[in-house]
All heavy atoms as atom14 arrays in JSON, in Angstrom:
{
  "sequence": "TPGLDRAAFAETIEHVEEAAGIELKVGVGRDLTAGDAGMAAKEALE",
  "atom14_mask": [
    [1, 1, 1, 1, 1, 1, 1, 0, 0, 0, 0, 0, 0, 0],
    [1, 1, 1, 1, 1, 1, 1, 0, 0, 0, 0, 0, 0, 0],
    [1, 1, 1, 1, 0, 0, 0, 0, 0, 0, 0, 0, 0, 0],
    [1, 1, 1, 1, 1, 1, 1, 1, 0, 0, 0, 0, 0, 0],
    [1, 1, 1, 1, 1, 1, 1, 1, 0, 0, 0, 0, 0, 0],
    [1, 1, 1, 1, 1, 1, 1, 1, 1, 1, 1, 0, 0, 0],
    [1, 1, 1, 1, 1, 0, 0, 0, 0, 0, 0, 0, 0, 0],
    [1, 1, 1, 1, 1, 0, 0, 0, 0, 0, 0, 0, 0, 0],
    [1, 1, 1, 1, 1, 1, 1, 1, 1, 1, 1, 0, 0, 0],
    [1, 1, 1, 1, 1, 0, 0, 0, 0, 0, 0, 0, 0, 0],
    [1, 1, 1, 1, 1, 1, 1, 1, 1, 0, 0, 0, 0, 0],
    [1, 1, 1, 1, 1, 1, 1, 0, 0, 0, 0, 0, 0, 0],
    [1, 1, 1, 1, 1, 1, 1, 1, 0, 0, 0, 0, 0, 0],
    [1, 1, 1, 1, 1, 1, 1, 1, 1, 0, 0, 0, 0, 0],
    [1, 1, 1, 1, 1, 1, 1, 1, 1, 1, 0, 0, 0, 0],
    [1, 1, 1, 1, 1, 1, 1, 0, 0, 0, 0, 0, 0, 0],
    [1, 1, 1, 1, 1, 1, 1, 1, 1, 0, 0, 0, 0, 0],
    [1, 1, 1, 1, 1, 1, 1, 1, 1, 0, 0, 0, 0, 0],
    [1, 1, 1, 1, 1, 0, 0, 0, 0, 0, 0, 0, 0, 0],
    [1, 1, 1, 1, 1, 0, 0, 0, 0, 0, 0, 0, 0, 0],
    [1, 1, 1, 1, 0, 0, 0, 0, 0, 0, 0, 0, 0, 0],
    [1, 1, 1, 1, 1, 1, 1, 1, 0, 0, 0, 0, 0, 0],
    [1, 1, 1, 1, 1, 1, 1, 1, 1, 0, 0, 0, 0, 0],
    [1, 1, 1, 1, 1, 1, 1, 1, 0, 0, 0, 0, 0, 0],
    [1, 1, 1, 1, 1, 1, 1, 1, 1, 0, 0, 0, 0, 0],
    [1, 1, 1, 1, 1, 1, 1, 0, 0, 0, 0, 0, 0, 0],
    [1, 1, 1, 1, 0, 0, 0, 0, 0, 0, 0, 0, 0, 0],
    [1, 1, 1, 1, 1, 1, 1, 0, 0, 0, 0, 0, 0, 0],
    [1, 1, 1, 1, 0, 0, 0, 0, 0, 0, 0, 0, 0, 0],
    [1, 1, 1, 1, 1, 1, 1, 1, 1, 1, 1, 0, 0, 0],
    [1, 1, 1, 1, 1, 1, 1, 1, 0, 0, 0, 0, 0, 0],
    [1, 1, 1, 1, 1, 1, 1, 1, 0, 0, 0, 0, 0, 0],
    [1, 1, 1, 1, 1, 1, 1, 0, 0, 0, 0, 0, 0, 0],
    [1, 1, 1, 1, 1, 0, 0, 0, 0, 0, 0, 0, 0, 0],
    [1, 1, 1, 1, 0, 0, 0, 0, 0, 0, 0, 0, 0, 0],
    [1, 1, 1, 1, 1, 1, 1, 1, 0, 0, 0, 0, 0, 0],
    [1, 1, 1, 1, 1, 0, 0, 0, 0, 0, 0, 0, 0, 0],
    [1, 1, 1, 1, 0, 0, 0, 0, 0, 0, 0, 0, 0, 0],
    [1, 1, 1, 1, 1, 1, 1, 1, 0, 0, 0, 0, 0, 0],
    [1, 1, 1, 1, 1, 0, 0, 0, 0, 0, 0, 0, 0, 0],
    [1, 1, 1, 1, 1, 0, 0, 0, 0, 0, 0, 0, 0, 0],
    [1, 1, 1, 1, 1, 1, 1, 1, 1, 0, 0, 0, 0, 0],
    [1, 1, 1, 1, 1, 1, 1, 1, 1, 0, 0, 0, 0, 0],
    [1, 1, 1, 1, 1, 0, 0, 0, 0, 0, 0, 0, 0, 0],
    [1, 1, 1, 1, 1, 1, 1, 1, 0, 0, 0, 0, 0, 0],
    [1, 1, 1, 1, 1, 1, 1, 1, 1, 0, 0, 0, 0, 0]
  ],
  "atom14_positions": [
    [[-4.58, 7.43, 0.76], [-4.34, 7.63, -0.68], [-5.64, 7.88, -1.44], [-6.72, 7.49, -0.98], [-3.63, 6.41, -1.3], [-4.58, 5.35, -1.41], [-2.44, 5.95, -0.43], [0.0, 0.0, 0.0], [0.0, 0.0, 0.0], [0.0, 0.0, 0.0], [0.0, 0.0, 0.0], [0.0, 0.0, 0.0], [0.0, 0.0, 0.0], [0.0, 0.0, 0.0]],
    [[-5.51, 8.5, -2.62], [-6.66, 8.44, -3.56], [-6.76, 7.0, -4.1], [-6.01, 6.14, -3.66], [-6.33, 9.47, -4.61], [-4.84, 9.56, -4.57], [-4.44, 9.29, -3.14], [0.0, 0.0, 0.0], [0.0, 0.0, 0.0], [0.0, 0.0, 0.0], [0.0, 0.0, 0.0], [0.0, 0.0, 0.0], [0.0, 0.0, 0.0], [0.0, 0.0, 0.0]],
    [[-7.59, 6.77, -5.06], [-7.83, 5.43, -5.54], [-6.7, 4.93, -6.43], [-6.86, 4.75, -7.65], [0.0, 0.0, 0.0], [0.0, 0.0, 0.0], [0.0, 0.0, 0.0], [0.0, 0.0, 0.0], [0.0, 0.0, 0.0], [0.0, 0.0, 0.0], [0.0, 0.0, 0.0], [0.0, 0.0, 0.0], [0.0, 0.0, 0.0], [0.0, 0.0, 0.0]],
    [[-5.55, 4.66, -5.87], [-4.37, 4.18, -6.61], [-4.49, 2.7, -6.93], [-5.08, 1.93, -6.19], [-3.11, 4.39, -5.79], [-2.82, 5.83, -5.33], [-1.48, 5.89, -4.57], [-2.8, 6.8, -6.5], [0.0, 0.0, 0.0], [0.0, 0.0, 0.0], [0.0, 0.0, 0.0], [0.0, 0.0, 0.0], [0.0, 0.0, 0.0], [0.0, 0.0, 0.0]],
    [[-3.92, 2.34, -8.08], [-3.97, 0.93, -8.51], [-2.68, 0.19, -8.13], [-1.72, 0.76, -7.57], [-4.25, 0.83, -10.01], [-3.2, 1.49, -10.87], [-2.1, 1.82, -10.36], [-3.47, 1.7, -12.06], [0.0, 0.0, 0.0], [0.0, 0.0, 0.0], [0.0, 0.0, 0.0], [0.0, 0.0, 0.0], [0.0, 0.0, 0.0], [0.0, 0.0, 0.0]],
    [[-2.64, -1.09, -8.45], [-1.5, -1.92, -8.09], [-0.21, -1.41, -8.71], [0.85, -1.43, -8.03], [-1.8, -3.34, -8.6], [-0.73, -4.36, -8.22], [-1.09, -5.75, -8.76], [-2.38, -6.18, -8.28], [-2.56, -6.84, -7.14], [-1.51, -7.14, -6.39], [-3.79, -7.21, -6.8], [0.0, 0.0, 0.0], [0.0, 0.0, 0.0], [0.0, 0.0, 0.0]],
    [[-0.24, -0.9, -9.91], [0.98, -0.44, -10.61], [1.55, 0.79, -9.83], [2.77, 0.89, -9.73], [0.63, -0.05, -12.05], [0.0, 0.0, 0.0], [0.0, 0.0, 0.0], [0.0, 0.0, 0.0], [0.0, 0.0, 0.0], [0.0, 0.0, 0.0], [0.0, 0.0, 0.0], [0.0, 0.0, 0.0], [0.0, 0.0, 0.0], [0.0, 0.0, 0.0]],
    [[0.7, 1.65, -9.35], [1.2, 2.84, -8.61], [1.89, 2.42, -7.34], [2.95, 2.98, -6.97], [0.04, 3.74, -8.28], [0.0, 0.0, 0.0], [0.0, 0.0, 0.0], [0.0, 0.0, 0.0], [0.0, 0.0, 0.0], [0.0, 0.0, 0.0], [0.0, 0.0, 0.0], [0.0, 0.0, 0.0], [0.0, 0.0, 0.0], [0.0, 0.0, 0.0]],
    [[1.39, 1.39, -6.64], [2.04, 0.93, -5.42], [3.34, 0.22, -5.74], [4.36, 0.38, -5.01], [1.09, 0.07, -4.6], [0.01, 0.82, -3.95], [-1.29, 0.73, -4.39], [0.28, 1.67, -2.86], [-2.32, 1.43, -3.8], [-0.74, 2.37, -2.26], [-2.04, 2.28, -2.71], [0.0, 0.0, 0.0], [0.0, 0.0, 0.0], [0.0, 0.0, 0.0]],
    [[3.38, -0.57, -6.79], [4.58, -1.25, -7.17], [5.65, -0.27, -7.53], [6.86, -0.41, -7.17], [4.31, -2.18, -8.38], [0.0, 0.0, 0.0], [0.0, 0.0, 0.0], [0.0, 0.0, 0.0], [0.0, 0.0, 0.0], [0.0, 0.0, 0.0], [0.0, 0.0, 0.0], [0.0, 0.0, 0.0], [0.0, 0.0, 0.0], [0.0, 0.0, 0.0]],
    [[5.3, 0.79, -8.28], [6.22, 1.86, -8.61], [6.77, 2.56, -7.36], [7.99, 2.87, -7.29], [5.51, 2.88, -9.54], [6.31, 4.08, -9.91], [5.45, 5.14, -10.6], [4.42, 5.53, -10.02], [5.84, 5.53, -11.72], [0.0, 0.0, 0.0], [0.0, 0.0, 0.0], [0.0, 0.0, 0.0], [0.0, 0.0, 0.0], [0.0, 0.0, 0.0]],
    [[5.91, 2.76, -6.41], [6.33, 3.42, -5.15], [7.34, 2.57, -4.4], [8.38, 3.07, -3.92], [5.09, 3.72, -4.26], [4.24, 4.6, -4.94], [5.53, 4.28, -2.91], [0.0, 0.0, 0.0], [0.0, 0.0, 0.0], [0.0, 0.0, 0.0], [0.0, 0.0, 0.0], [0.0, 0.0, 0.0], [0.0, 0.0, 0.0], [0.0, 0.0, 0.0]],
    [[7.09, 1.29, -4.31], [8.01, 0.39, -3.63], [9.4, 0.38, -4.33], [10.43, 0.42, -3.65], [7.42, -1.03, -3.55], [6.23, -1.07, -2.59], [8.5, -2.05, -3.2], [5.48, -2.37, -2.57], [0.0, 0.0, 0.0], [0.0, 0.0, 0.0], [0.0, 0.0, 0.0], [0.0, 0.0, 0.0], [0.0, 0.0, 0.0], [0.0, 0.0, 0.0]],
    [[9.37, 0.37, -5.63], [10.62, 0.4, -6.39], [11.4, 1.73, -6.14], [12.62, 1.72, -5.96], [10.34, 0.25, -7.89], [9.87, -1.13, -8.27], [9.49, -1.23, -9.73], [9.68, -0.22, -10.46], [8.99, -2.28, -10.15], [0.0, 0.0, 0.0], [0.0, 0.0, 0.0], [0.0, 0.0, 0.0], [0.0, 0.0, 0.0], [0.0, 0.0, 0.0]],
    [[10.65, 2.82, -6.05], [11.28, 4.11, -5.8], [11.99, 4.13, -4.44], [13.13, 4.58, -4.31], [10.27, 5.27, -5.89], [10.83, 6.56, -5.43], [11.6, 7.41, -6.26], [10.76, 7.19, -4.22], [11.97, 8.43, -5.57], [11.48, 8.38, -4.31], [0.0, 0.0, 0.0], [0.0, 0.0, 0.0], [0.0, 0.0, 0.0], [0.0, 0.0, 0.0]],
    [[11.29, 3.69, -3.4], [11.85, 3.7, -2.07], [13.06, 2.8, -1.98], [14.08, 3.16, -1.36], [10.76, 3.29, -1.03], [11.41, 3.13, 0.37], [9.66, 4.31, -0.99], [0.0, 0.0, 0.0], [0.0, 0.0, 0.0], [0.0, 0.0, 0.0], [0.0, 0.0, 0.0], [0.0, 0.0, 0.0], [0.0, 0.0, 0.0], [0.0, 0.0, 0.0]],
    [[13.05, 1.64, -2.64], [14.18, 0.75, -2.66], [15.39, 1.41, -3.28], [16.52, 1.33, -2.79], [13.87, -0.55, -3.34], [14.95, -1.6, -3.22], [14.52, -2.98, -3.74], [13.32, -3.15, -4.06], [15.36, -3.85, -3.79], [0.0, 0.0, 0.0], [0.0, 0.0, 0.0], [0.0, 0.0, 0.0], [0.0, 0.0, 0.0], [0.0, 0.0, 0.0]],
    [[15.16, 2.1, -4.4], [16.25, 2.78, -5.09], [16.78, 3.96, -4.33], [17.98, 4.22, -4.27], [15.8, 3.24, -6.49], [15.53, 2.1, -7.44], [14.96, 2.57, -8.78], [14.82, 3.8, -8.95], [14.66, 1.71, -9.66], [0.0, 0.0, 0.0], [0.0, 0.0, 0.0], [0.0, 0.0, 0.0], [0.0, 0.0, 0.0], [0.0, 0.0, 0.0]],
    [[15.86, 4.76, -3.7], [16.22, 6.0, -3.02], [16.83, 5.74, -1.64], [17.73, 6.47, -1.21], [15.02, 6.91, -2.89], [0.0, 0.0, 0.0], [0.0, 0.0, 0.0], [0.0, 0.0, 0.0], [0.0, 0.0, 0.0], [0.0, 0.0, 0.0], [0.0, 0.0, 0.0], [0.0, 0.0, 0.0], [0.0, 0.0, 0.0], [0.0, 0.0, 0.0]],
    [[16.33, 4.7, -0.92], [16.71, 4.52, 0.47], [17.27, 3.15, 0.79], [17.72, 2.91, 1.95], [15.53, 4.83, 1.4], [0.0, 0.0, 0.0], [0.0, 0.0, 0.0], [0.0, 0.0, 0.0], [0.0, 0.0, 0.0], [0.0, 0.0, 0.0], [0.0, 0.0, 0.0], [0.0, 0.0, 0.0], [0.0, 0.0, 0.0], [0.0, 0.0, 0.0]],
    [[17.23, 2.22, -0.17], [17.73, 0.88, 0.07], [16.85, 0.08, 1.01], [17.31, -0.9, 1.62], [0.0, 0.0, 0.0], [0.0, 0.0, 0.0], [0.0, 0.0, 0.0], [0.0, 0.0, 0.0], [0.0, 0.0, 0.0], [0.0, 0.0, 0.0], [0.0, 0.0, 0.0], [0.0, 0.0, 0.0], [0.0, 0.0, 0.0], [0.0, 0.0, 0.0]],
    [[15.57, 0.43, 1.11], [14.64, -0.25, 2.02], [13.61, -0.99, 1.14], [13.0, -0.41, 0.26], [13.91, 0.73, 2.96], [14.9, 1.49, 3.84], [12.86, 0.03, 3.75], [15.58, 0.61, 4.88], [0.0, 0.0, 0.0], [0.0, 0.0, 0.0], [0.0, 0.0, 0.0], [0.0, 0.0, 0.0], [0.0, 0.0, 0.0], [0.0, 0.0, 0.0]],
    [[13.44, -2.27, 1.41], [12.49, -3.1, 0.66], [11.14, -3.14, 1.42], [11.1, -3.46, 2.61], [13.01, -4.53, 0.51], [14.3, -4.58, -0.29], [14.85, -6.0, -0.37], [14.15, -6.94, 0.14], [15.94, -6.17, -0.96], [0.0, 0.0, 0.0], [0.0, 0.0, 0.0], [0.0, 0.0, 0.0], [0.0, 0.0, 0.0], [0.0, 0.0, 0.0]],
    [[10.06, -2.82, 0.73], [8.77, -2.76, 1.32], [7.78, -3.75, 0.69], [7.98, -4.2, -0.44], [8.17, -1.33, 1.14], [8.91, -0.18, 1.75], [8.32, 1.14, 1.32], [8.94, -0.24, 3.28], [0.0, 0.0, 0.0], [0.0, 0.0, 0.0], [0.0, 0.0, 0.0], [0.0, 0.0, 0.0], [0.0, 0.0, 0.0], [0.0, 0.0, 0.0]],
    [[6.74, -4.0, 1.41], [5.51, -4.62, 0.85], [4.36, -3.82, 1.39], [4.47, -3.05, 2.33], [5.4, -6.08, 1.29], [5.46, -6.33, 2.82], [5.44, -7.82, 3.09], [5.71, -8.13, 4.58], [7.1, -7.78, 4.94], [0.0, 0.0, 0.0], [0.0, 0.0, 0.0], [0.0, 0.0, 0.0], [0.0, 0.0, 0.0], [0.0, 0.0, 0.0]],
    [[3.15, -3.95, 0.72], [2.03, -3.1, 1.1], [0.74, -3.83, 0.92], [0.51, -4.55, -0.09], [2.07, -1.78, 0.29], [1.91, -2.03, -1.22], [0.93, -0.84, 0.77], [0.0, 0.0, 0.0], [0.0, 0.0, 0.0], [0.0, 0.0, 0.0], [0.0, 0.0, 0.0], [0.0, 0.0, 0.0], [0.0, 0.0, 0.0], [0.0, 0.0, 0.0]],
    [[-0.11, -3.71, 1.92], [-1.51, -4.16, 1.81], [-2.41, -2.95, 1.7], [-2.22, -1.96, 2.42], [0.0, 0.0, 0.0], [0.0, 0.0, 0.0], [0.0, 0.0, 0.0], [0.0, 0.0, 0.0], [0.0, 0.0, 0.0], [0.0, 0.0, 0.0], [0.0, 0.0, 0.0], [0.0, 0.0, 0.0], [0.0, 0.0, 0.0], [0.0, 0.0, 0.0]],
    [[-3.36, -2.97, 0.8], [-4.19, -1.82, 0.5], [-5.66, -2.24, 0.73], [-6.09, -3.34, 0.32], [-4.02, -1.37, -0.97], [-4.84, -0.1, -1.23], [-2.54, -1.15, -1.26], [0.0, 0.0, 0.0], [0.0, 0.0, 0.0], [0.0, 0.0, 0.0], [0.0, 0.0, 0.0], [0.0, 0.0, 0.0], [0.0, 0.0, 0.0], [0.0, 0.0, 0.0]],
    [[-6.41, -1.35, 1.38], [-7.83, -1.59, 1.62], [-8.67, -0.38, 1.32], [-8.2, 0.74, 1.45], [0.0, 0.0, 0.0], [0.0, 0.0, 0.0], [0.0, 0.0, 0.0], [0.0, 0.0, 0.0], [0.0, 0.0, 0.0], [0.0, 0.0, 0.0], [0.0, 0.0, 0.0], [0.0, 0.0, 0.0], [0.0, 0.0, 0.0], [0.0, 0.0, 0.0]],
    [[-9.92, -0.63, 0.97], [-10.83, 0.47, 0.68], [-12.16, 0.18, 1.33], [-12.67, -0.97, 1.28], [-11.03, 0.63, -0.82], [-11.9, 1.82, -1.22], [-12.13, 1.91, -2.73], [-10.88, 2.09, -3.47], [-10.81, 2.21, -4.79], [-11.93, 2.13, -5.5], [-9.67, 2.43, -5.39], [0.0, 0.0, 0.0], [0.0, 0.0, 0.0], [0.0, 0.0, 0.0]],
    [[-12.74, 1.16, 2.02], [-14.03, 0.98, 2.68], [-14.62, 2.35, 2.98], [-14.08, 3.39, 2.61], [-13.89, 0.14, 3.95], [-15.11, -0.72, 4.22], [-16.24, -0.2, 4.07], [-14.96, -1.91, 4.55], [0.0, 0.0, 0.0], [0.0, 0.0, 0.0], [0.0, 0.0, 0.0], [0.0, 0.0, 0.0], [0.0, 0.0, 0.0], [0.0, 0.0, 0.0]],
    [[-15.78, 2.34, 3.66], [-16.51, 3.59, 3.91], [-15.87, 4.41, 5.04], [-16.07, 5.61, 5.09], [-17.97, 3.3, 4.27], [-18.77, 2.51, 3.22], [-20.21, 2.32, 3.68], [-18.75, 3.27, 1.89], [0.0, 0.0, 0.0], [0.0, 0.0, 0.0], [0.0, 0.0, 0.0], [0.0, 0.0, 0.0], [0.0, 0.0, 0.0], [0.0, 0.0, 0.0]],
    [[-15.15, 3.76, 5.95], [-14.45, 4.46, 7.0], [-12.96, 4.09, 6.97], [-12.58, 3.02, 6.49], [-15.02, 4.16, 8.4], [-14.7, 2.79, 8.7], [-16.51, 4.39, 8.45], [0.0, 0.0, 0.0], [0.0, 0.0, 0.0], [0.0, 0.0, 0.0], [0.0, 0.0, 0.0], [0.0, 0.0, 0.0], [0.0, 0.0, 0.0], [0.0, 0.0, 0.0]],
    [[-12.15, 4.97, 7.56], [-10.7, 4.71, 7.64], [-10.44, 3.42, 8.44], [-9.55, 2.67, 8.11], [-9.98, 5.89, 8.19], [0.0, 0.0, 0.0], [0.0, 0.0, 0.0], [0.0, 0.0, 0.0], [0.0, 0.0, 0.0], [0.0, 0.0, 0.0], [0.0, 0.0, 0.0], [0.0, 0.0, 0.0], [0.0, 0.0, 0.0], [0.0, 0.0, 0.0]],
    [[-11.17, 3.24, 9.55], [-10.98, 2.08, 10.38], [-11.19, 0.78, 9.65], [-10.38, -0.15, 9.72], [0.0, 0.0, 0.0], [0.0, 0.0, 0.0], [0.0, 0.0, 0.0], [0.0, 0.0, 0.0], [0.0, 0.0, 0.0], [0.0, 0.0, 0.0], [0.0, 0.0, 0.0], [0.0, 0.0, 0.0], [0.0, 0.0, 0.0], [0.0, 0.0, 0.0]],
    [[-12.28, 0.72, 8.89], [-12.55, -0.52, 8.15], [-11.61, -0.67, 6.97], [-11.19, -1.8, 6.64], [-14.02, -0.51, 7.65], [-15.03, -0.69, 8.76], [-14.63, -1.24, 9.83], [-16.18, -0.3, 8.61], [0.0, 0.0, 0.0], [0.0, 0.0, 0.0], [0.0, 0.0, 0.0], [0.0, 0.0, 0.0], [0.0, 0.0, 0.0], [0.0, 0.0, 0.0]],
    [[-11.25, 0.44, 6.29], [-10.29, 0.36, 5.21], [-8.92, -0.11, 5.74], [-8.21, -0.86, 5.11], [-10.15, 1.72, 4.52], [0.0, 0.0, 0.0], [0.0, 0.0, 0.0], [0.0, 0.0, 0.0], [0.0, 0.0, 0.0], [0.0, 0.0, 0.0], [0.0, 0.0, 0.0], [0.0, 0.0, 0.0], [0.0, 0.0, 0.0], [0.0, 0.0, 0.0]],
    [[-8.56, 0.37, 6.95], [-7.32, -0.05, 7.54], [-7.27, -1.49, 7.88], [-6.24, -2.15, 7.73], [0.0, 0.0, 0.0], [0.0, 0.0, 0.0], [0.0, 0.0, 0.0], [0.0, 0.0, 0.0], [0.0, 0.0, 0.0], [0.0, 0.0, 0.0], [0.0, 0.0, 0.0], [0.0, 0.0, 0.0], [0.0, 0.0, 0.0], [0.0, 0.0, 0.0]],
    [[-8.41, -2.06, 8.33], [-8.43, -3.5, 8.63], [-8.33, -4.29, 7.34], [-7.65, -5.35, 7.29], [-9.72, -3.84, 9.37], [-9.74, -3.45, 10.83], [-8.34, -4.18, 11.74], [-8.55, -5.92, 11.46], [0.0, 0.0, 0.0], [0.0, 0.0, 0.0], [0.0, 0.0, 0.0], [0.0, 0.0, 0.0], [0.0, 0.0, 0.0], [0.0, 0.0, 0.0]],
    [[-8.96, -3.81, 6.3], [-8.83, -4.51, 4.99], [-7.36, -4.45, 4.51], [-6.88, -5.41, 3.91], [-9.75, -3.85, 3.95], [0.0, 0.0, 0.0], [0.0, 0.0, 0.0], [0.0, 0.0, 0.0], [0.0, 0.0, 0.0], [0.0, 0.0, 0.0], [0.0, 0.0, 0.0], [0.0, 0.0, 0.0], [0.0, 0.0, 0.0], [0.0, 0.0, 0.0]],
    [[-6.69, -3.34, 4.78], [-5.28, -3.19, 4.38], [-4.43, -4.16, 5.2], [-3.5, -4.78, 4.64], [-4.81, -1.76, 4.6], [0.0, 0.0, 0.0], [0.0, 0.0, 0.0], [0.0, 0.0, 0.0], [0.0, 0.0, 0.0], [0.0, 0.0, 0.0], [0.0, 0.0, 0.0], [0.0, 0.0, 0.0], [0.0, 0.0, 0.0], [0.0, 0.0, 0.0]],
    [[-4.72, -4.26, 6.52], [-3.93, -5.23, 7.32], [-4.1, -6.69, 6.83], [-3.16, -7.44, 6.8], [-4.34, -5.11, 8.78], [-3.83, -3.84, 9.48], [-4.37, -3.7, 10.86], [-3.65, -4.67, 11.8], [-2.27, -4.28, 12.05], [0.0, 0.0, 0.0], [0.0, 0.0, 0.0], [0.0, 0.0, 0.0], [0.0, 0.0, 0.0], [0.0, 0.0, 0.0]],
    [[-5.35, -7.02, 6.48], [-5.57, -8.37, 5.92], [-4.83, -8.58, 4.63], [-4.29, -9.67, 4.37], [-7.09, -8.57, 5.81], [-7.82, -8.63, 7.13], [-9.32, -8.55, 7.0], [-9.78, -8.41, 5.83], [-10.03, -8.58, 8.03], [0.0, 0.0, 0.0], [0.0, 0.0, 0.0], [0.0, 0.0, 0.0], [0.0, 0.0, 0.0], [0.0, 0.0, 0.0]],
    [[-4.82, -7.56, 3.8], [-4.09, -7.66, 2.53], [-2.62, -7.78, 2.78], [-1.87, -8.52, 2.09], [-4.38, -6.42, 1.64], [0.0, 0.0, 0.0], [0.0, 0.0, 0.0], [0.0, 0.0, 0.0], [0.0, 0.0, 0.0], [0.0, 0.0, 0.0], [0.0, 0.0, 0.0], [0.0, 0.0, 0.0], [0.0, 0.0, 0.0], [0.0, 0.0, 0.0]],
    [[-2.07, -7.06, 3.8], [-0.66, -7.17, 4.11], [-0.32, -8.6, 4.58], [0.77, -9.12, 4.27], [-0.32, -6.14, 5.21], [1.16, -6.04, 5.6], [2.01, -5.66, 4.41], [1.32, -5.03, 6.74], [0.0, 0.0, 0.0], [0.0, 0.0, 0.0], [0.0, 0.0, 0.0], [0.0, 0.0, 0.0], [0.0, 0.0, 0.0], [0.0, 0.0, 0.0]],
    [[-1.25, -9.19, 5.32], [-0.99, -10.61, 5.73], [-0.92, -11.52, 4.51], [-0.14, -12.47, 4.49], [-2.12, -11.07, 6.68], [-1.95, -10.54, 8.08], [-0.64, -10.95, 8.71], [-0.33, -12.13, 8.71], [0.08, -10.04, 9.18], [0.0, 0.0, 0.0], [0.0, 0.0, 0.0], [0.0, 0.0, 0.0], [0.0, 0.0, 0.0], [0.0, 0.0, 0.0]]
  ]
}
């Protein structure tokens, strides 16, 4: 993603729940590489 904020992710989760009936949660990370950003996202998801 580009630099989305918390409100954008909350809005996305609401849209998917309304459109597909699927409830989601999301962890988001930012770093210099995708690998490190992905690990930060996994930690946020925990």
